[in-house]
Amino acid sequence: MAAQHFATAGYFAPGRDISMADHMLDVVIRSEGAEVSELVDLYTDSQVAAADRALMHDLASCSDSVSK
């Protein structure tokens, strides 16, 4: 999902020999502050973020039902 998000933002997807986490860190380190802010905004409005929020909601719901 991260590779697809970065590709949508105009960044190449790393090869199989490069960790996605390393790739994301390299992009952030080498980018200007405004570009990093734009990446954060793109993520916030993305389907990836929506899926993350849904997963967190589901996990919190499971946790609530277990603790009762």
PDB file of N, CA and C in Angstrom:
ATOM      1  N   MET A   1       0.815  -1.185   0.000  1.00  0.00           N
ATOM      2  CA  MET A   1       0.000   0.000   0.000  1.00  0.00           C
ATOM      3  C   MET A   1       0.865   1.258   0.000  1.00  0.00           C
ATOM      4  N   ALA A   2       1.948   1.250   0.733  1.00  0.00           N
ATOM      5  CA  ALA A   2       2.816   2.429   0.788  1.00  0.00           C
ATOM      6  C   ALA A   2       3.440   2.712  -0.568  1.00  0.00           C
ATOM      7  N   ALA A   3       3.859   1.671  -1.262  1.00  0.00           N
ATOM      8  CA  ALA A   3       4.471   1.863  -2.580  1.00  0.00           C
ATOM      9  C   ALA A   3       3.471   2.488  -3.544  1.00  0.00           C
ATOM     10  N   GLN A   4       2.232   2.030  -3.511  1.00  0.00           N
ATOM     11  CA  GLN A   4       1.198   2.583  -4.376  1.00  0.00           C
ATOM     12  C   GLN A   4       0.940   4.045  -4.022  1.00  0.00           C
ATOM     13  N   HIS A   5       0.902   4.366  -2.737  1.00  0.00           N
ATOM     14  CA  HIS A   5       0.681   5.747  -2.297  1.00  0.00           C
ATOM     15  C   HIS A   5       1.809   6.647  -2.788  1.00  0.00           C
ATOM     16  N   PHE A   6       3.046   6.213  -2.630  1.00  0.00           N
ATOM     17  CA  PHE A   6       4.178   7.017  -3.073  1.00  0.00           C
ATOM     18  C   PHE A   6       4.171   7.181  -4.586  1.00  0.00           C
ATOM     19  N   ALA A   7       3.803   6.140  -5.317  1.00  0.00           N
ATOM     20  CA  ALA A   7       3.728   6.233  -6.775  1.00  0.00           C
ATOM     21  C   ALA A   7       2.666   7.248  -7.182  1.00  0.00           C
ATOM     22  N   THR A   8       1.536   7.256  -6.484  1.00  0.00           N
ATOM     23  CA  THR A   8       0.472   8.225  -6.756  1.00  0.00           C
ATOM     24  C   THR A   8       0.973   9.647  -6.525  1.00  0.00           C
ATOM     25  N   ALA A   9       1.858   9.825  -5.554  1.00  0.00           N
ATOM     26  CA  ALA A   9       2.413  11.144  -5.248  1.00  0.00           C
ATOM     27  C   ALA A   9       3.556  11.521  -6.187  1.00  0.00           C
ATOM     28  N   GLY A  10       3.893  10.634  -7.139  1.00  0.00           N
ATOM     29  CA  GLY A  10       4.915  10.949  -8.119  1.00  0.00           C
ATOM     30  C   GLY A  10       6.306  10.436  -7.794  1.00  0.00           C
ATOM     31  N   TYR A  11       6.427   9.543  -6.828  1.00  0.00           N
ATOM     32  CA  TYR A  11       7.719   8.970  -6.457  1.00  0.00           C
ATOM     33  C   TYR A  11       7.804   7.542  -6.981  1.00  0.00           C
ATOM     34  N   PHE A  12       9.000   7.152  -7.397  1.00  0.00           N
ATOM     35  CA  PHE A  12       9.166   5.797  -7.894  1.00  0.00           C
ATOM     36  C   PHE A  12       9.005   4.793  -6.762  1.00  0.00           C
ATOM     37  N   ALA A  13       8.609   3.606  -7.124  1.00  0.00           N
ATOM     38  CA  ALA A  13       8.556   2.524  -6.143  1.00  0.00           C
ATOM     39  C   ALA A  13       9.945   1.903  -6.056  1.00  0.00           C
ATOM     40  N   PRO A  14      10.413   1.622  -4.865  1.00  0.00           N
ATOM     41  CA  PRO A  14      11.742   1.030  -4.735  1.00  0.00           C
ATOM     42  C   PRO A  14      11.773  -0.386  -5.274  1.00  0.00           C
ATOM     43  N   GLY A  15      12.958  -0.833  -5.649  1.00  0.00           N
ATOM     44  CA  GLY A  15      13.117  -2.205  -6.108  1.00  0.00           C
ATOM     45  C   GLY A  15      12.937  -3.181  -4.958  1.00  0.00           C
ATOM     46  N   ARG A  16      12.923  -4.440  -5.293  1.00  0.00           N
ATOM     47  CA  ARG A  16      12.713  -5.480  -4.277  1.00  0.00           C
ATOM     48  C   ARG A  16      13.821  -5.504  -3.228  1.00  0.00           C
ATOM     49  N   ASP A  17      15.000  -4.986  -3.576  1.00  0.00           N
ATOM     50  CA  ASP A  17      16.131  -5.029  -2.650  1.00  0.00           C
ATOM     51  C   ASP A  17      16.173  -3.824  -1.712  1.00  0.00           C
ATOM     52  N   ILE A  18      15.181  -2.918  -1.822  1.00  0.00           N
ATOM     53  CA  ILE A  18      15.144  -1.728  -0.964  1.00  0.00           C
ATOM     54  C   ILE A  18      13.899  -1.794  -0.088  1.00  0.00           C
ATOM     55  N   SER A  19      14.099  -1.619   1.191  1.00  0.00           N
ATOM     56  CA  SER A  19      12.993  -1.619   2.147  1.00  0.00           C
ATOM     57  C   SER A  19      12.109  -0.397   1.914  1.00  0.00           C
ATOM     58  N   MET A  20      10.788  -0.592   1.957  1.00  0.00           N
ATOM     59  CA  MET A  20       9.865   0.525   1.782  1.00  0.00           C
ATOM     60  C   MET A  20      10.054   1.554   2.885  1.00  0.00           C
ATOM     61  N   ALA A  21      10.320   1.109   4.099  1.00  0.00           N
ATOM     62  CA  ALA A  21      10.546   2.048   5.206  1.00  0.00           C
ATOM     63  C   ALA A  21      11.787   2.903   4.942  1.00  0.00           C
ATOM     64  N   ASP A  22      12.858   2.290   4.445  1.00  0.00           N
ATOM     65  CA  ASP A  22      14.066   3.052   4.098  1.00  0.00           C
ATOM     66  C   ASP A  22      13.779   4.042   2.985  1.00  0.00           C
ATOM     67  N   HIS A  23      13.012   3.615   1.999  1.00  0.00           N
ATOM     68  CA  HIS A  23      12.662   4.478   0.877  1.00  0.00           C
ATOM     69  C   HIS A  23      11.866   5.700   1.365  1.00  0.00           C
ATOM     70  N   MET A  24      10.858   5.468   2.200  1.00  0.00           N
ATOM     71  CA  MET A  24      10.046   6.577   2.714  1.00  0.00           C
ATOM     72  C   MET A  24      10.903   7.538   3.528  1.00  0.00           C
ATOM     73  N   LEU A  25      11.787   7.009   4.343  1.00  0.00           N
ATOM     74  CA  LEU A  25      12.669   7.849   5.146  1.00  0.00           C
ATOM     75  C   LEU A  25      13.589   8.676   4.253  1.00  0.00           C
ATOM     76  N   ASP A  26      14.150   8.070   3.218  1.00  0.00           N
ATOM     77  CA  ASP A  26      15.009   8.805   2.276  1.00  0.00           C
ATOM     78  C   ASP A  26      14.248   9.951   1.610  1.00  0.00           C
ATOM     79  N   VAL A  27      13.012   9.690   1.185  1.00  0.00           N
ATOM     80  CA  VAL A  27      12.206  10.733   0.541  1.00  0.00           C
ATOM     81  C   VAL A  27      11.995  11.895   1.496  1.00  0.00           C
ATOM     82  N   VAL A  28      11.639  11.606   2.732  1.00  0.00           N
ATOM     83  CA  VAL A  28      11.371  12.668   3.711  1.00  0.00           C
ATOM     84  C   VAL A  28      12.647  13.440   4.039  1.00  0.00           C
ATOM     85  N   ILE A  29      13.758  12.743   4.228  1.00  0.00           N
ATOM     86  CA  ILE A  29      15.024  13.404   4.573  1.00  0.00           C
ATOM     87  C   ILE A  29      15.481  14.333   3.450  1.00  0.00           C
ATOM     88  N   ARG A  30      15.293  13.926   2.210  1.00  0.00           N
ATOM     89  CA  ARG A  30      15.797  14.699   1.067  1.00  0.00           C
ATOM     90  C   ARG A  30      14.829  15.770   0.575  1.00  0.00           C
ATOM     91  N   SER A  31      13.644  15.847   1.161  1.00  0.00           N
ATOM     92  CA  SER A  31      12.629  16.779   0.681  1.00  0.00           C
ATOM     93  C   SER A  31      12.590  18.044   1.522  1.00  0.00           C
ATOM     94  N   GLU A  32      12.131  19.108   0.896  1.00  0.00           N
ATOM     95  CA  GLU A  32      11.902  20.369   1.603  1.00  0.00           C
ATOM     96  C   GLU A  32      10.679  20.222   2.506  1.00  0.00           C
ATOM     97  N   GLY A  33      10.579  21.086   3.499  1.00  0.00           N
ATOM     98  CA  GLY A  33       9.458  21.030   4.441  1.00  0.00           C
ATOM     99  C   GLY A  33       8.098  21.101   3.775  1.00  0.00           C
ATOM    100  N   ALA A  34       7.962  21.971   2.770  1.00  0.00           N
ATOM    101  CA  ALA A  34       6.679  22.109   2.075  1.00  0.00           C
ATOM    102  C   ALA A  34       6.307  20.817   1.353  1.00  0.00           C
ATOM    103  N   GLU A  35       7.302  20.147   0.788  1.00  0.00           N
ATOM    104  CA  GLU A  35       7.046  18.894   0.083  1.00  0.00           C
ATOM    105  C   GLU A  35       6.627  17.799   1.063  1.00  0.00           C
ATOM    106  N   VAL A  36       7.261  17.777   2.230  1.00  0.00           N
ATOM    107  CA  VAL A  36       6.884  16.800   3.257  1.00  0.00           C
ATOM    108  C   VAL A  36       5.454  17.074   3.726  1.00  0.00           C
ATOM    109  N   SER A  37       5.118  18.349   3.908  1.00  0.00           N
ATOM    110  CA  SER A  37       3.752  18.705   4.302  1.00  0.00           C
ATOM    111  C   SER A  37       2.746  18.245   3.259  1.00  0.00           C
ATOM    112  N   GLU A  38       3.101  18.389   1.981  1.00  0.00           N
ATOM    113  CA  GLU A  38       2.218  17.937   0.904  1.00  0.00           C
ATOM    114  C   GLU A  38       2.048  16.419   0.946  1.00  0.00           C
ATOM    115  N   LEU A  39       3.138  15.693   1.217  1.00  0.00           N
ATOM    116  CA  LEU A  39       3.043  14.236   1.331  1.00  0.00           C
ATOM    117  C   LEU A  39       2.130  13.841   2.486  1.00  0.00           C
ATOM    118  N   VAL A  40       2.238  14.550   3.611  1.00  0.00           N
ATOM    119  CA  VAL A  40       1.374  14.267   4.763  1.00  0.00           C
ATOM    120  C   VAL A  40      -0.085  14.521   4.392  1.00  0.00           C
ATOM    121  N   ASP A  41      -0.334  15.640   3.714  1.00  0.00           N
ATOM    122  CA  ASP A  41      -1.702  15.957   3.294  1.00  0.00           C
ATOM    123  C   ASP A  41      -2.245  14.908   2.326  1.00  0.00           C
ATOM    124  N   LEU A  42      -1.412  14.485   1.369  1.00  0.00           N
ATOM    125  CA  LEU A  42      -1.835  13.443   0.425  1.00  0.00           C
ATOM    126  C   LEU A  42      -2.176  12.155   1.161  1.00  0.00           C
ATOM    127  N   TYR A  43      -1.351  11.821   2.159  1.00  0.00           N
ATOM    128  CA  TYR A  43      -1.618  10.602   2.931  1.00  0.00           C
ATOM    129  C   TYR A  43      -2.926  10.738   3.702  1.00  0.00           C
ATOM    130  N   THR A  44      -3.111  11.874   4.365  1.00  0.00           N
ATOM    131  CA  THR A  44      -4.297  12.087   5.185  1.00  0.00           C
ATOM    132  C   THR A  44      -5.575  11.906   4.389  1.00  0.00           C
ATOM    133  N   ASP A  45      -5.559  12.324   3.119  1.00  0.00           N
ATOM    134  CA  ASP A  45      -6.737  12.239   2.261  1.00  0.00           C
ATOM    135  C   ASP A  45      -6.784  10.963   1.423  1.00  0.00           C
ATOM    136  N   SER A  46      -5.848  10.048   1.640  1.00  0.00           N
ATOM    137  CA  SER A  46      -5.738   8.866   0.775  1.00  0.00           C
ATOM    138  C   SER A  46      -6.604   7.697   1.238  1.00  0.00           C
ATOM    139  N   GLN A  47      -6.770   6.744   0.322  1.00  0.00           N
ATOM    140  CA  GLN A  47      -7.472   5.497   0.656  1.00  0.00           C
ATOM    141  C   GLN A  47      -6.679   4.692   1.686  1.00  0.00           C
ATOM    142  N   VAL A  48      -5.363   4.828   1.662  1.00  0.00           N
ATOM    143  CA  VAL A  48      -4.518   4.123   2.629  1.00  0.00           C
ATOM    144  C   VAL A  48      -4.841   4.607   4.037  1.00  0.00           C
ATOM    145  N   ALA A  49      -4.934   5.919   4.204  1.00  0.00           N
ATOM    146  CA  ALA A  49      -5.261   6.474   5.525  1.00  0.00           C
ATOM    147  C   ALA A  49      -6.662   6.063   5.960  1.00  0.00           C
ATOM    148  N   ALA A  50      -7.595   6.051   5.019  1.00  0.00           N
ATOM    149  CA  ALA A  50      -8.958   5.626   5.349  1.00  0.00           C
ATOM    150  C   ALA A  50      -8.968   4.173   5.815  1.00  0.00           C
ATOM    151  N   ALA A  51      -8.203   3.324   5.144  1.00  0.00           N
ATOM    152  CA  ALA A  51      -8.112   1.916   5.556  1.00  0.00           C
ATOM    153  C   ALA A  51      -7.452   1.795   6.924  1.00  0.00           C
ATOM    154  N   ASP A  52      -6.432   2.624   7.182  1.00  0.00           N
ATOM    155  CA  ASP A  52      -5.780   2.615   8.497  1.00  0.00           C
ATOM    156  C   ASP A  52      -6.763   3.031   9.596  1.00  0.00           C
ATOM    157  N   ARG A  53      -7.542   4.082   9.323  1.00  0.00           N
ATOM    158  CA  ARG A  53      -8.525   4.541  10.315  1.00  0.00           C
ATOM    159  C   ARG A  53      -9.573   3.463  10.580  1.00  0.00           C
ATOM    160  N   ALA A  54     -10.033   2.789   9.525  1.00  0.00           N
ATOM    161  CA  ALA A  54     -11.026   1.722   9.693  1.00  0.00           C
ATOM    162  C   ALA A  54     -10.450   0.575  10.519  1.00  0.00           C
ATOM    163  N   LEU A  55      -9.196   0.224  10.251  1.00  0.00           N
ATOM    164  CA  LEU A  55      -8.550  -0.846  11.013  1.00  0.00           C
ATOM    165  C   LEU A  55      -8.421  -0.462  12.483  1.00  0.00           C
ATOM    166  N   MET A  56      -7.999   0.773  12.743  1.00  0.00           N
ATOM    167  CA  MET A  56      -7.879   1.226  14.139  1.00  0.00           C
ATOM    168  C   MET A  56      -9.232   1.206  14.837  1.00  0.00           C
ATOM    169  N   HIS A  57     -10.285   1.603  14.127  1.00  0.00           N
ATOM    170  CA  HIS A  57     -11.629   1.575  14.700  1.00  0.00           C
ATOM    171  C   HIS A  57     -12.035   0.148  15.035  1.00  0.00           C
ATOM    172  N   ASP A  58     -11.791  -0.771  14.095  1.00  0.00           N
ATOM    173  CA  ASP A  58     -12.134  -2.177  14.322  1.00  0.00           C
ATOM    174  C   ASP A  58     -11.359  -2.751  15.508  1.00  0.00           C
ATOM    175  N   LEU A  59     -10.072  -2.433  15.588  1.00  0.00           N
ATOM    176  CA  LEU A  59      -9.264  -2.936  16.706  1.00  0.00           C
ATOM    177  C   LEU A  59      -9.741  -2.364  18.034  1.00  0.00           C
ATOM    178  N   ALA A  60     -10.091  -1.088  18.046  1.00  0.00           N
ATOM    179  CA  ALA A  60     -10.591  -0.467  19.280  1.00  0.00           C
ATOM    180  C   ALA A  60     -11.920  -1.093  19.686  1.00  0.00           C
ATOM    181  N   SER A  61     -12.763  -1.399  18.716  1.00  0.00           N
ATOM    182  CA  SER A  61     -14.044  -2.044  18.997  1.00  0.00           C
ATOM    183  C   SER A  61     -13.849  -3.421  19.597  1.00  0.00           C
ATOM    184  N   CYS A  62     -12.895  -4.163  19.064  1.00  0.00           N
ATOM    185  CA  CYS A  62     -12.588  -5.501  19.602  1.00  0.00           C
ATOM    186  C   CYS A  62     -12.055  -5.388  21.016  1.00  0.00           C
ATOM    187  N   SER A  63     -11.197  -4.422  21.248  1.00  0.00           N
ATOM    188  CA  SER A  63     -10.629  -4.217  22.568  1.00  0.00           C
ATOM    189  C   SER A  63     -11.711  -3.861  23.576  1.00  0.00           C
ATOM    190  N   ASP A  64     -12.650  -3.011  23.168  1.00  0.00           N
ATOM    191  CA  ASP A  64     -13.754  -2.617  24.056  1.00  0.00           C
ATOM    192  C   ASP A  64     -14.603  -3.822  24.434  1.00  0.00           C
ATOM    193  N   SER A  65     -14.875  -4.713  23.474  1.00  0.00           N
ATOM    194  CA  SER A  65     -15.742  -5.864  23.754  1.00  0.00           C
ATOM    195  C   SER A  65     -15.020  -6.891  24.623  1.00  0.00           C
ATOM    196  N   VAL A  66     -13.714  -6.967  24.542  1.00  0.00           N
ATOM    197  CA  VAL A  66     -12.949  -7.914  25.352  1.00  0.00           C
ATOM    198  C   VAL A  66     -12.839  -7.434  26.793  1.00  0.00           C
ATOM    199  N   SER A  67     -12.727  -6.119  26.986  1.00  0.00           N
ATOM    200  CA  SER A  67     -12.516  -5.592  28.335  1.00  0.00           C
ATOM    201  C   SER A  67     -13.802  -5.511  29.145  1.00  0.00           C
ATOM    202  N   LYS A  68     -14.966  -5.775  28.525  1.00  0.00           N
ATOM    203  CA  LYS A  68     -16.241  -5.673  29.256  1.00  0.00           C
ATOM    204  C   LYS A  68     -16.584  -6.948  29.938  1.00  0.00           C
TER     205      LYS A  68
END
